[in-house]
Amino acid sequence: MHRDDGLLEEELTGSVIGAFYEVYTSLGFGFLERVYGAALERELLGRHHHVAREVSVPVLYKGTELTRQRLDMIVDNKLVIEIKSMDPLPKAAKRQLFNYLRGTNLEVGLLLHFGPTPVFLRLISHNPHPKIH
């Protein structure tokens, strides 16, 4: 994976953050997460991104699959997105996204909060061997 002095996946995350604000400007606050997810998917597809929604990934314990968890979205096979719309933002949301990164072995995640004020958090988990291609 190419690394330089810039942010990891800077161009991709910038595009997704722009799409997030576009959706928020159009819809505002108060919809369910699935509404924001559908609108964000449409916006990202319009920006020529590959979008996978509700992606099922395994949760492993000592190499054995315990169960599967569902991620809101993976963009361009590089970026995990978790969407929240509850107010206030649940305290566990950041940990949830971090665990999703570990589960996929992807390195970059965005937590997009469609709350009274739009907020995003960018998380990095340095994973040496991504599982999703």
C-alpha atoms as a PDB file:
ATOM      1  CA  MET A   1       0.000   0.000   0.000  1.00  0.00           C
ATOM      2  CA  HIS A   2       1.442   3.367  -0.994  1.00  0.00           C
ATOM      3  CA  ARG A   3       2.055   5.786   1.870  1.00  0.00           C
ATOM      4  CA  ASP A   4       3.357   9.302   1.759  1.00  0.00           C
ATOM      5  CA  ASP A   5       3.240  12.396   3.971  1.00  0.00           C
ATOM      6  CA  GLY A   6      -0.467  12.951   3.200  1.00  0.00           C
ATOM      7  CA  LEU A   7      -3.473  11.362   4.839  1.00  0.00           C
ATOM      8  CA  LEU A   8      -4.124   7.720   4.087  1.00  0.00           C
ATOM      9  CA  GLU A   9      -6.756   7.563   1.308  1.00  0.00           C
ATOM     10  CA  GLU A  10      -6.997  11.363   1.391  1.00  0.00           C
ATOM     11  CA  GLU A  11      -8.657  11.765  -2.025  1.00  0.00           C
ATOM     12  CA  LEU A  12     -11.231   9.060  -1.327  1.00  0.00           C
ATOM     13  CA  THR A  13     -12.123  10.307   2.138  1.00  0.00           C
ATOM     14  CA  GLY A  14     -12.353  13.859   0.818  1.00  0.00           C
ATOM     15  CA  SER A  15     -14.834  12.769  -1.834  1.00  0.00           C
ATOM     16  CA  VAL A  16     -16.929  10.823   0.684  1.00  0.00           C
ATOM     17  CA  ILE A  17     -16.938  13.709   3.162  1.00  0.00           C
ATOM     18  CA  GLY A  18     -18.094  16.001   0.355  1.00  0.00           C
ATOM     19  CA  ALA A  19     -20.900  13.545  -0.455  1.00  0.00           C
ATOM     20  CA  PHE A  20     -21.821  13.395   3.256  1.00  0.00           C
ATOM     21  CA  TYR A  21     -22.243  17.172   3.404  1.00  0.00           C
ATOM     22  CA  GLU A  22     -24.197  17.166   0.143  1.00  0.00           C
ATOM     23  CA  VAL A  23     -26.639  14.612   1.561  1.00  0.00           C
ATOM     24  CA  TYR A  24     -26.912  16.488   4.855  1.00  0.00           C
ATOM     25  CA  THR A  25     -27.568  19.788   3.067  1.00  0.00           C
ATOM     26  CA  SER A  26     -30.331  18.161   1.028  1.00  0.00           C
ATOM     27  CA  LEU A  27     -32.013  16.092   3.750  1.00  0.00           C
ATOM     28  CA  GLY A  28     -31.110  17.795   7.016  1.00  0.00           C
ATOM     29  CA  PHE A  29     -31.540  16.135  10.405  1.00  0.00           C
ATOM     30  CA  GLY A  30     -34.197  13.667  11.505  1.00  0.00           C
ATOM     31  CA  PHE A  31     -34.276  10.720   9.101  1.00  0.00           C
ATOM     32  CA  LEU A  32     -33.435   7.106   9.886  1.00  0.00           C
ATOM     33  CA  GLU A  33     -29.942   5.838   9.122  1.00  0.00           C
ATOM     34  CA  ARG A  34     -31.173   3.727   6.205  1.00  0.00           C
ATOM     35  CA  VAL A  35     -32.478   6.891   4.474  1.00  0.00           C
ATOM     36  CA  TYR A  36     -29.097   8.587   4.798  1.00  0.00           C
ATOM     37  CA  GLY A  37     -27.377   5.397   3.624  1.00  0.00           C
ATOM     38  CA  ALA A  38     -29.510   5.220   0.483  1.00  0.00           C
ATOM     39  CA  ALA A  39     -28.929   8.908  -0.288  1.00  0.00           C
ATOM     40  CA  LEU A  40     -25.193   8.615   0.380  1.00  0.00           C
ATOM     41  CA  GLU A  41     -24.954   5.569  -1.879  1.00  0.00           C
ATOM     42  CA  ARG A  42     -26.667   7.463  -4.684  1.00  0.00           C
ATOM     43  CA  GLU A  43     -24.365  10.463  -4.201  1.00  0.00           C
ATOM     44  CA  LEU A  44     -21.237   8.283  -4.171  1.00  0.00           C
ATOM     45  CA  LEU A  45     -22.287   6.373  -7.276  1.00  0.00           C
ATOM     46  CA  GLY A  46     -22.762   9.740  -8.979  1.00  0.00           C
ATOM     47  CA  ARG A  47     -19.168  10.505  -8.049  1.00  0.00           C
ATOM     48  CA  HIS A  48     -18.057   7.236  -9.740  1.00  0.00           C
ATOM     49  CA  HIS A  49     -17.284   5.274  -6.594  1.00  0.00           C
ATOM     50  CA  HIS A  50     -17.913   1.565  -6.092  1.00  0.00           C
ATOM     51  CA  VAL A  51     -20.307   1.142  -3.160  1.00  0.00           C
ATOM     52  CA  ALA A  52     -21.092  -2.044  -1.252  1.00  0.00           C
ATOM     53  CA  ARG A  53     -23.893  -1.690   1.326  1.00  0.00           C
ATOM     54  CA  GLU A  54     -24.633  -3.844   4.336  1.00  0.00           C
ATOM     55  CA  VAL A  55     -21.487  -5.917   3.878  1.00  0.00           C
ATOM     56  CA  SER A  56     -21.309  -9.024   6.061  1.00  0.00           C
ATOM     57  CA  VAL A  57     -17.883  -9.744   7.564  1.00  0.00           C
ATOM     58  CA  PRO A  58     -16.831 -12.495   9.972  1.00  0.00           C
ATOM     59  CA  VAL A  59     -15.965 -12.015  13.630  1.00  0.00           C
ATOM     60  CA  LEU A  60     -13.164 -14.426  14.465  1.00  0.00           C
ATOM     61  CA  TYR A  61     -12.104 -15.810  17.804  1.00  0.00           C
ATOM     62  CA  LYS A  62      -8.796 -17.678  17.786  1.00  0.00           C
ATOM     63  CA  GLY A  63      -9.171 -18.261  14.068  1.00  0.00           C
ATOM     64  CA  THR A  64     -12.738 -19.578  14.230  1.00  0.00           C
ATOM     65  CA  GLU A  65     -15.721 -17.635  12.960  1.00  0.00           C
ATOM     66  CA  LEU A  66     -18.102 -16.847  15.830  1.00  0.00           C
ATOM     67  CA  THR A  67     -20.641 -14.835  13.920  1.00  0.00           C
ATOM     68  CA  ARG A  68     -20.897 -12.188  11.248  1.00  0.00           C
ATOM     69  CA  GLN A  69     -21.381  -8.449  11.582  1.00  0.00           C
ATOM     70  CA  ARG A  70     -22.885  -6.108   9.047  1.00  0.00           C
ATOM     71  CA  LEU A  71     -21.111  -2.937   7.988  1.00  0.00           C
ATOM     72  CA  ASP A  72     -23.120  -0.024   6.640  1.00  0.00           C
ATOM     73  CA  MET A  73     -20.915   0.556   3.621  1.00  0.00           C
ATOM     74  CA  ILE A  74     -17.542  -0.061   1.998  1.00  0.00           C
ATOM     75  CA  VAL A  75     -16.450   2.403  -0.675  1.00  0.00           C
ATOM     76  CA  ASP A  76     -13.972   1.490  -3.417  1.00  0.00           C
ATOM     77  CA  ASN A  77     -12.961  -1.603  -1.412  1.00  0.00           C
ATOM     78  CA  LYS A  78     -10.831   0.727   0.742  1.00  0.00           C
ATOM     79  CA  LEU A  79     -13.032   2.707   3.127  1.00  0.00           C
ATOM     80  CA  VAL A  80     -15.467   1.518   5.800  1.00  0.00           C
ATOM     81  CA  ILE A  81     -18.370   3.871   6.511  1.00  0.00           C
ATOM     82  CA  GLU A  82     -20.553   3.762   9.596  1.00  0.00           C
ATOM     83  CA  ILE A  83     -23.665   5.960   9.536  1.00  0.00           C
ATOM     84  CA  LYS A  84     -25.360   7.258  12.665  1.00  0.00           C
ATOM     85  CA  SER A  85     -28.342   9.578  12.991  1.00  0.00           C
ATOM     86  CA  MET A  86     -29.246   9.326  16.684  1.00  0.00           C
ATOM     87  CA  ASP A  87     -28.831  12.343  18.901  1.00  0.00           C
ATOM     88  CA  PRO A  88     -26.590  12.286  20.774  1.00  0.00           C
ATOM     89  CA  LEU A  89     -24.038  10.196  18.917  1.00  0.00           C
ATOM     90  CA  PRO A  90     -23.698   6.897  20.824  1.00  0.00           C
ATOM     91  CA  LYS A  91     -20.453   6.734  22.804  1.00  0.00           C
ATOM     92  CA  ALA A  92     -19.714   3.258  21.443  1.00  0.00           C
ATOM     93  CA  ALA A  93     -19.925   4.330  17.774  1.00  0.00           C
ATOM     94  CA  LYS A  94     -16.216   5.052  17.443  1.00  0.00           C
ATOM     95  CA  ARG A  95     -15.269   1.680  18.974  1.00  0.00           C
ATOM     96  CA  GLN A  96     -17.794  -0.038  16.695  1.00  0.00           C
ATOM     97  CA  LEU A  97     -16.134   1.435  13.596  1.00  0.00           C
ATOM     98  CA  PHE A  98     -12.677   0.553  14.878  1.00  0.00           C
ATOM     99  CA  ASN A  99     -13.788  -3.075  15.323  1.00  0.00           C
ATOM    100  CA  TYR A 100     -15.207  -3.060  11.801  1.00  0.00           C
ATOM    101  CA  LEU A 101     -11.809  -1.986  10.501  1.00  0.00           C
ATOM    102  CA  ARG A 102     -10.175  -4.827  12.402  1.00  0.00           C
ATOM    103  CA  GLY A 103     -12.768  -7.269  11.037  1.00  0.00           C
ATOM    104  CA  THR A 104     -12.103  -6.305   7.437  1.00  0.00           C
ATOM    105  CA  ASN A 105      -8.410  -5.517   7.840  1.00  0.00           C
ATOM    106  CA  LEU A 106      -9.073  -2.269   5.981  1.00  0.00           C
ATOM    107  CA  GLU A 107      -7.232   0.748   7.315  1.00  0.00           C
ATOM    108  CA  VAL A 108      -9.519   3.760   6.985  1.00  0.00           C
ATOM    109  CA  GLY A 109     -12.997   4.363   8.310  1.00  0.00           C
ATOM    110  CA  LEU A 110     -15.390   7.294   8.464  1.00  0.00           C
ATOM    111  CA  LEU A 111     -18.067   7.677  11.091  1.00  0.00           C
ATOM    112  CA  LEU A 112     -20.719   9.954   9.577  1.00  0.00           C
ATOM    113  CA  HIS A 113     -23.130  11.468  12.091  1.00  0.00           C
ATOM    114  CA  PHE A 114     -26.276  12.926  10.551  1.00  0.00           C
ATOM    115  CA  GLY A 115     -27.186  14.638  13.822  1.00  0.00           C
ATOM    116  CA  PRO A 116     -28.465  18.156  14.529  1.00  0.00           C
ATOM    117  CA  THR A 117     -25.058  19.290  13.256  1.00  0.00           C
ATOM    118  CA  PRO A 118     -23.231  17.129  10.694  1.00  0.00           C
ATOM    119  CA  VAL A 119     -20.053  15.615  12.139  1.00  0.00           C
ATOM    120  CA  PHE A 120     -17.564  13.095  10.806  1.00  0.00           C
ATOM    121  CA  LEU A 121     -14.742  11.215  12.492  1.00  0.00           C
ATOM    122  CA  ARG A 122     -11.901   9.627  10.568  1.00  0.00           C
ATOM    123  CA  LEU A 123     -10.341   6.476  12.041  1.00  0.00           C
ATOM    124  CA  ILE A 124      -7.179   4.653  11.060  1.00  0.00           C
ATOM    125  CA  SER A 125      -6.264   1.080  11.944  1.00  0.00           C
ATOM    126  CA  HIS A 126      -2.924   0.060  10.528  1.00  0.00           C
ATOM    127  CA  ASN A 127      -3.643  -3.391   9.140  1.00  0.00           C
ATOM    128  CA  PRO A 128      -0.755  -4.982   7.256  1.00  0.00           C
ATOM    129  CA  HIS A 129      -2.771  -7.325   5.018  1.00  0.00           C
ATOM    130  CA  PRO A 130      -6.226  -6.182   3.852  1.00  0.00           C
ATOM    131  CA  LYS A 131      -8.709  -9.068   3.475  1.00  0.00           C
ATOM    132  CA  ILE A 132     -11.153  -7.342   1.114  1.00  0.00           C
ATOM    133  CA  HIS A 133      -9.996  -6.634  -2.435  1.00  0.00           C
END
